[in-house]
């Protein structure tokens, strides 16, 4: 029996604000992180490799450490 493809489970950043805020959504998938516009859930998405995402988030944290107030 063929394995069923994994369906994305989309999430928003805790920094995104209200549900009506314009932001991106992400979904962790086997091939990397899928990213889409939250206002266009049926629109296209991009795929970012795990390595590229880790490099990006590490750089952002080094440039501006996260602070929740």
PDB file of N, CA and C in Angstrom:
ATOM      1  N   UNK A   1       0.839  -1.180   0.000  1.00  0.00           N
ATOM      2  CA  UNK A   1       0.000   0.000   0.000  1.00  0.00           C
ATOM      3  C   UNK A   1       0.888   1.248   0.000  1.00  0.00           C
ATOM      4  N   UNK A   2       0.568   2.186  -0.856  1.00  0.00           N
ATOM      5  CA  UNK A   2       1.368   3.405  -0.966  1.00  0.00           C
ATOM      6  C   UNK A   2       1.161   4.293   0.257  1.00  0.00           C
ATOM      7  N   UNK A   3       2.241   4.930   0.677  1.00  0.00           N
ATOM      8  CA  UNK A   3       2.177   5.838   1.821  1.00  0.00           C
ATOM      9  C   UNK A   3       1.466   7.118   1.409  1.00  0.00           C
ATOM     10  N   UNK A   4       0.554   7.579   2.257  1.00  0.00           N
ATOM     11  CA  UNK A   4      -0.179   8.811   1.990  1.00  0.00           C
ATOM     12  C   UNK A   4       0.739  10.007   2.219  1.00  0.00           C
ATOM     13  N   UNK A   5       0.684  11.015   1.347  1.00  0.00           N
ATOM     14  CA  UNK A   5       1.515  12.201   1.556  1.00  0.00           C
ATOM     15  C   UNK A   5       1.078  12.926   2.828  1.00  0.00           C
ATOM     16  N   UNK A   6       2.046  13.497   3.498  1.00  0.00           N
ATOM     17  CA  UNK A   6       1.773  14.252   4.719  1.00  0.00           C
ATOM     18  C   UNK A   6       1.067  15.549   4.374  1.00  0.00           C
ATOM     19  N   UNK A   7       0.027  15.877   5.119  1.00  0.00           N
ATOM     20  CA  UNK A   7      -0.672  17.148   4.923  1.00  0.00           C
ATOM     21  C   UNK A   7      -0.049  18.188   5.842  1.00  0.00           C
ATOM     22  N   UNK A   8       0.138  19.395   5.350  1.00  0.00           N
ATOM     23  CA  UNK A   8       0.746  20.430   6.191  1.00  0.00           C
ATOM     24  C   UNK A   8      -0.180  20.844   7.327  1.00  0.00           C
ATOM     25  N   UNK A   9       0.413  21.080   8.483  1.00  0.00           N
ATOM     26  CA  UNK A   9      -0.289  21.664   9.629  1.00  0.00           C
ATOM     27  C   UNK A   9       0.290  23.065   9.784  1.00  0.00           C
ATOM     28  N   UNK A  10      -0.477  24.066   9.386  1.00  0.00           N
ATOM     29  CA  UNK A  10       0.009  25.443   9.336  1.00  0.00           C
ATOM     30  C   UNK A  10      -0.024  26.090  10.713  1.00  0.00           C
ATOM     31  N   UNK A  11       0.965  26.930  10.991  1.00  0.00           N
ATOM     32  CA  UNK A  11       1.034  27.667  12.252  1.00  0.00           C
ATOM     33  C   UNK A  11       1.464  29.095  11.968  1.00  0.00           C
ATOM     34  N   UNK A  12       1.107  29.994  12.900  1.00  0.00           N
ATOM     35  CA  UNK A  12       1.546  31.386  12.829  1.00  0.00           C
ATOM     36  C   UNK A  12       2.482  31.647  13.993  1.00  0.00           C
ATOM     37  N   UNK A  13       3.361  32.574  13.819  1.00  0.00           N
ATOM     38  CA  UNK A  13       4.263  32.986  14.884  1.00  0.00           C
ATOM     39  C   UNK A  13       3.470  33.578  16.044  1.00  0.00           C
ATOM     40  N   UNK A  14       3.956  33.375  17.244  1.00  0.00           N
ATOM     41  CA  UNK A  14       3.319  33.990  18.408  1.00  0.00           C
ATOM     42  C   UNK A  14       3.469  35.505  18.357  1.00  0.00           C
ATOM     43  N   UNK A  15       4.314  36.017  17.492  1.00  0.00           N
ATOM     44  CA  UNK A  15       4.519  37.457  17.326  1.00  0.00           C
ATOM     45  C   UNK A  15       3.576  38.055  16.284  1.00  0.00           C
ATOM     46  N   UNK A  16       2.737  37.254  15.676  1.00  0.00           N
ATOM     47  CA  UNK A  16       1.935  37.741  14.555  1.00  0.00           C
ATOM     48  C   UNK A  16       0.769  38.629  14.970  1.00  0.00           C
ATOM     49  N   UNK A  17       0.411  38.669  16.234  1.00  0.00           N
ATOM     50  CA  UNK A  17      -0.664  39.547  16.684  1.00  0.00           C
ATOM     51  C   UNK A  17      -2.028  38.915  16.505  1.00  0.00           C
ATOM     52  N   UNK A  18      -3.001  39.728  16.127  1.00  0.00           N
ATOM     53  CA  UNK A  18      -4.383  39.271  16.005  1.00  0.00           C
ATOM     54  C   UNK A  18      -4.555  38.345  14.806  1.00  0.00           C
ATOM     55  N   UNK A  19      -5.662  37.572  14.796  1.00  0.00           N
ATOM     56  CA  UNK A  19      -5.920  36.692  13.651  1.00  0.00           C
ATOM     57  C   UNK A  19      -6.041  37.438  12.326  1.00  0.00           C
ATOM     58  N   UNK A  20      -6.393  38.734  12.379  1.00  0.00           N
ATOM     59  CA  UNK A  20      -6.522  39.521  11.148  1.00  0.00           C
ATOM     60  C   UNK A  20      -5.201  40.144  10.708  1.00  0.00           C
ATOM     61  N   UNK A  21      -4.150  39.975  11.486  1.00  0.00           N
ATOM     62  CA  UNK A  21      -2.852  40.560  11.149  1.00  0.00           C
ATOM     63  C   UNK A  21      -2.309  39.942   9.869  1.00  0.00           C
ATOM     64  N   UNK A  22      -1.614  40.756   9.093  1.00  0.00           N
ATOM     65  CA  UNK A  22      -0.975  40.245   7.885  1.00  0.00           C
ATOM     66  C   UNK A  22       0.319  39.576   8.290  1.00  0.00           C
ATOM     67  N   UNK A  23       0.428  38.305   8.004  1.00  0.00           N
ATOM     68  CA  UNK A  23       1.635  37.593   8.389  1.00  0.00           C
ATOM     69  C   UNK A  23       1.795  36.355   7.513  1.00  0.00           C
ATOM     70  N   UNK A  24       2.829  35.639   7.789  1.00  0.00           N
ATOM     71  CA  UNK A  24       3.110  34.391   7.102  1.00  0.00           C
ATOM     72  C   UNK A  24       2.735  33.231   7.996  1.00  0.00           C
ATOM     73  N   UNK A  25       2.457  32.102   7.371  1.00  0.00           N
ATOM     74  CA  UNK A  25       2.218  30.867   8.103  1.00  0.00           C
ATOM     75  C   UNK A  25       3.282  29.877   7.662  1.00  0.00           C
ATOM     76  N   UNK A  26       3.630  28.976   8.546  1.00  0.00           N
ATOM     77  CA  UNK A  26       4.615  27.955   8.234  1.00  0.00           C
ATOM     78  C   UNK A  26       4.075  26.569   8.530  1.00  0.00           C
ATOM     79  N   UNK A  27       4.644  25.573   7.886  1.00  0.00           N
ATOM     80  CA  UNK A  27       4.308  24.176   8.140  1.00  0.00           C
ATOM     81  C   UNK A  27       5.600  23.369   8.004  1.00  0.00           C
ATOM     82  N   UNK A  28       5.943  22.642   9.051  1.00  0.00           N
ATOM     83  CA  UNK A  28       7.138  21.796   9.010  1.00  0.00           C
ATOM     84  C   UNK A  28       6.814  20.541   8.218  1.00  0.00           C
ATOM     85  N   UNK A  29       7.544  20.332   7.145  1.00  0.00           N
ATOM     86  CA  UNK A  29       7.316  19.194   6.259  1.00  0.00           C
ATOM     87  C   UNK A  29       8.630  18.433   6.083  1.00  0.00           C
ATOM     88  N   UNK A  30       8.552  17.188   5.606  1.00  0.00           N
ATOM     89  CA  UNK A  30       9.785  16.404   5.440  1.00  0.00           C
ATOM     90  C   UNK A  30      10.844  17.090   4.588  1.00  0.00           C
ATOM     91  N   UNK A  31      10.456  17.842   3.568  1.00  0.00           N
ATOM     92  CA  UNK A  31      11.413  18.490   2.691  1.00  0.00           C
ATOM     93  C   UNK A  31      11.900  19.835   3.173  1.00  0.00           C
ATOM     94  N   UNK A  32      11.366  20.321   4.276  1.00  0.00           N
ATOM     95  CA  UNK A  32      11.756  21.629   4.793  1.00  0.00           C
ATOM     96  C   UNK A  32      10.542  22.370   5.319  1.00  0.00           C
ATOM     97  N   UNK A  33      10.652  23.679   5.411  1.00  0.00           N
ATOM     98  CA  UNK A  33       9.566  24.502   5.914  1.00  0.00           C
ATOM     99  C   UNK A  33       8.782  25.078   4.745  1.00  0.00           C
ATOM    100  N   UNK A  34       7.479  24.874   4.754  1.00  0.00           N
ATOM    101  CA  UNK A  34       6.611  25.497   3.763  1.00  0.00           C
ATOM    102  C   UNK A  34       6.159  26.834   4.344  1.00  0.00           C
ATOM    103  N   UNK A  35       6.128  27.877   3.530  1.00  0.00           N
ATOM    104  CA  UNK A  35       5.723  29.212   3.969  1.00  0.00           C
ATOM    105  C   UNK A  35       4.693  29.746   2.978  1.00  0.00           C
ATOM    106  N   UNK A  36       3.617  30.334   3.534  1.00  0.00           N
ATOM    107  CA  UNK A  36       2.564  30.915   2.683  1.00  0.00           C
ATOM    108  C   UNK A  36       2.035  32.196   3.315  1.00  0.00           C
ATOM    109  N   UNK A  37       1.321  32.965   2.521  1.00  0.00           N
ATOM    110  CA  UNK A  37       0.656  34.188   2.968  1.00  0.00           C
ATOM    111  C   UNK A  37      -0.614  33.782   3.710  1.00  0.00           C
ATOM    112  N   UNK A  38      -0.767  34.236   4.957  1.00  0.00           N
ATOM    113  CA  UNK A  38      -1.933  33.851   5.748  1.00  0.00           C
ATOM    114  C   UNK A  38      -3.246  34.361   5.156  1.00  0.00           C
ATOM    115  N   UNK A  39      -3.177  35.411   4.364  1.00  0.00           N
ATOM    116  CA  UNK A  39      -4.387  35.958   3.737  1.00  0.00           C
ATOM    117  C   UNK A  39      -4.794  35.178   2.484  1.00  0.00           C
ATOM    118  N   UNK A  40      -3.915  34.302   2.010  1.00  0.00           N
ATOM    119  CA  UNK A  40      -4.193  33.504   0.801  1.00  0.00           C
ATOM    120  C   UNK A  40      -3.893  32.031   1.080  1.00  0.00           C
ATOM    121  N   UNK A  41      -4.655  31.407   1.980  1.00  0.00           N
ATOM    122  CA  UNK A  41      -4.348  30.026   2.357  1.00  0.00           C
ATOM    123  C   UNK A  41      -4.416  29.027   1.201  1.00  0.00           C
ATOM    124  N   UNK A  42      -5.167  29.339   0.163  1.00  0.00           N
ATOM    125  CA  UNK A  42      -5.239  28.451  -0.998  1.00  0.00           C
ATOM    126  C   UNK A  42      -4.244  28.852  -2.084  1.00  0.00           C
ATOM    127  N   UNK A  43      -3.473  29.899  -1.819  1.00  0.00           N
ATOM    128  CA  UNK A  43      -2.483  30.373  -2.788  1.00  0.00           C
ATOM    129  C   UNK A  43      -1.219  29.528  -2.740  1.00  0.00           C
ATOM    130  N   UNK A  44      -0.210  29.948  -3.466  1.00  0.00           N
ATOM    131  CA  UNK A  44       1.040  29.182  -3.520  1.00  0.00           C
ATOM    132  C   UNK A  44       1.831  29.280  -2.219  1.00  0.00           C
ATOM    133  N   UNK A  45       2.778  28.388  -2.071  1.00  0.00           N
ATOM    134  CA  UNK A  45       3.696  28.421  -0.931  1.00  0.00           C
ATOM    135  C   UNK A  45       5.113  28.236  -1.458  1.00  0.00           C
ATOM    136  N   UNK A  46       6.075  28.599  -0.631  1.00  0.00           N
ATOM    137  CA  UNK A  46       7.471  28.344  -0.985  1.00  0.00           C
ATOM    138  C   UNK A  46       8.010  27.307  -0.010  1.00  0.00           C
ATOM    139  N   UNK A  47       9.042  26.600  -0.424  1.00  0.00           N
ATOM    140  CA  UNK A  47       9.673  25.598   0.424  1.00  0.00           C
ATOM    141  C   UNK A  47      11.089  26.068   0.748  1.00  0.00           C
ATOM    142  N   UNK A  48      11.395  26.115   2.027  1.00  0.00           N
ATOM    143  CA  UNK A  48      12.717  26.529   2.498  1.00  0.00           C
ATOM    144  C   UNK A  48      13.359  25.322   3.166  1.00  0.00           C
ATOM    145  N   UNK A  49      14.562  24.968   2.755  1.00  0.00           N
ATOM    146  CA  UNK A  49      15.222  23.797   3.344  1.00  0.00           C
ATOM    147  C   UNK A  49      15.452  24.003   4.833  1.00  0.00           C
ATOM    148  N   UNK A  50      15.546  22.910   5.558  1.00  0.00           N
ATOM    149  CA  UNK A  50      15.799  22.999   7.004  1.00  0.00           C
ATOM    150  C   UNK A  50      17.115  23.728   7.279  1.00  0.00           C
ATOM    151  N   UNK A  51      18.124  23.461   6.470  1.00  0.00           N
ATOM    152  CA  UNK A  51      19.422  24.113   6.653  1.00  0.00           C
ATOM    153  C   UNK A  51      19.310  25.614   6.438  1.00  0.00           C
ATOM    154  N   UNK A  52      18.628  26.040   5.382  1.00  0.00           N
ATOM    155  CA  UNK A  52      18.469  27.468   5.100  1.00  0.00           C
ATOM    156  C   UNK A  52      17.656  28.148   6.203  1.00  0.00           C
ATOM    157  N   UNK A  53      16.608  27.495   6.697  1.00  0.00           N
ATOM    158  CA  UNK A  53      15.789  28.084   7.755  1.00  0.00           C
ATOM    159  C   UNK A  53      16.594  28.229   9.043  1.00  0.00           C
ATOM    160  N   UNK A  54      17.374  27.211   9.385  1.00  0.00           N
ATOM    161  CA  UNK A  54      18.207  27.254  10.589  1.00  0.00           C
ATOM    162  C   UNK A  54      19.239  28.381  10.475  1.00  0.00           C
ATOM    163  N   UNK A  55      19.846  28.526   9.307  1.00  0.00           N
ATOM    164  CA  UNK A  55      20.821  29.602   9.083  1.00  0.00           C
ATOM    165  C   UNK A  55      20.150  30.961   9.243  1.00  0.00           C
ATOM    166  N   UNK A  56      18.969  31.128   8.652  1.00  0.00           N
ATOM    167  CA  UNK A  56      18.235  32.386   8.738  1.00  0.00           C
ATOM    168  C   UNK A  56      17.874  32.722  10.186  1.00  0.00           C
ATOM    169  N   UNK A  57      17.267  31.791  10.905  1.00  0.00           N
ATOM    170  CA  UNK A  57      16.838  32.086  12.276  1.00  0.00           C
ATOM    171  C   UNK A  57      18.023  32.322  13.205  1.00  0.00           C
ATOM    172  N   UNK A  58      19.126  31.613  13.006  1.00  0.00           N
ATOM    173  CA  UNK A  58      20.325  31.845  13.811  1.00  0.00           C
ATOM    174  C   UNK A  58      20.842  33.259  13.572  1.00  0.00           C
ATOM    175  N   UNK A  59      20.890  33.677  12.320  1.00  0.00           N
ATOM    176  CA  UNK A  59      21.367  35.021  11.994  1.00  0.00           C
ATOM    177  C   UNK A  59      20.464  36.087  12.612  1.00  0.00           C
ATOM    178  N   UNK A  60      19.158  35.923  12.481  1.00  0.00           N
ATOM    179  CA  UNK A  60      18.220  36.910  13.035  1.00  0.00           C
ATOM    180  C   UNK A  60      18.400  37.019  14.544  1.00  0.00           C
ATOM    181  N   UNK A  61      18.568  35.911  15.221  1.00  0.00           N
ATOM    182  CA  UNK A  61      18.740  35.935  16.672  1.00  0.00           C
ATOM    183  C   UNK A  61      20.057  36.600  17.072  1.00  0.00           C
ATOM    184  N   UNK A  62      21.071  36.468  16.252  1.00  0.00           N
ATOM    185  CA  UNK A  62      22.357  37.106  16.555  1.00  0.00           C
ATOM    186  C   UNK A  62      22.295  38.612  16.325  1.00  0.00           C
ATOM    187  N   UNK A  63      21.561  39.034  15.305  1.00  0.00           N
ATOM    188  CA  UNK A  63      21.449  40.452  14.979  1.00  0.00           C
ATOM    189  C   UNK A  63      20.515  41.154  15.966  1.00  0.00           C
ATOM    190  N   UNK A  64      19.389  40.538  16.278  1.00  0.00           N
ATOM    191  CA  UNK A  64      18.428  41.121  17.204  1.00  0.00           C
ATOM    192  C   UNK A  64      17.846  40.009  18.062  1.00  0.00           C
ATOM    193  N   UNK A  65      18.412  39.812  19.262  1.00  0.00           N
ATOM    194  CA  UNK A  65      17.902  38.750  20.140  1.00  0.00           C
ATOM    195  C   UNK A  65      16.416  38.948  20.436  1.00  0.00           C
ATOM    196  N   UNK A  66      15.708  37.840  20.540  1.00  0.00           N
ATOM    197  CA  UNK A  66      14.274  37.886  20.809  1.00  0.00           C
ATOM    198  C   UNK A  66      13.999  38.452  22.194  1.00  0.00           C
ATOM    199  N   UNK A  67      13.019  39.301  22.255  1.00  0.00           N
ATOM    200  CA  UNK A  67      12.605  39.873  23.533  1.00  0.00           C
ATOM    201  C   UNK A  67      11.086  39.972  23.525  1.00  0.00           C
ATOM    202  N   UNK A  68      10.478  39.477  24.572  1.00  0.00           N
ATOM    203  CA  UNK A  68       9.003  39.508  24.638  1.00  0.00           C
ATOM    204  C   UNK A  68       8.519  40.614  25.557  1.00  0.00           C
ATOM    205  N   UNK A  69       9.293  41.643  25.708  1.00  0.00           N
ATOM    206  CA  UNK A  69       8.795  42.785  26.434  1.00  0.00           C
ATOM    207  C   UNK A  69       9.397  42.889  27.754  1.00  0.00           C
TER     208      UNK A  69
END
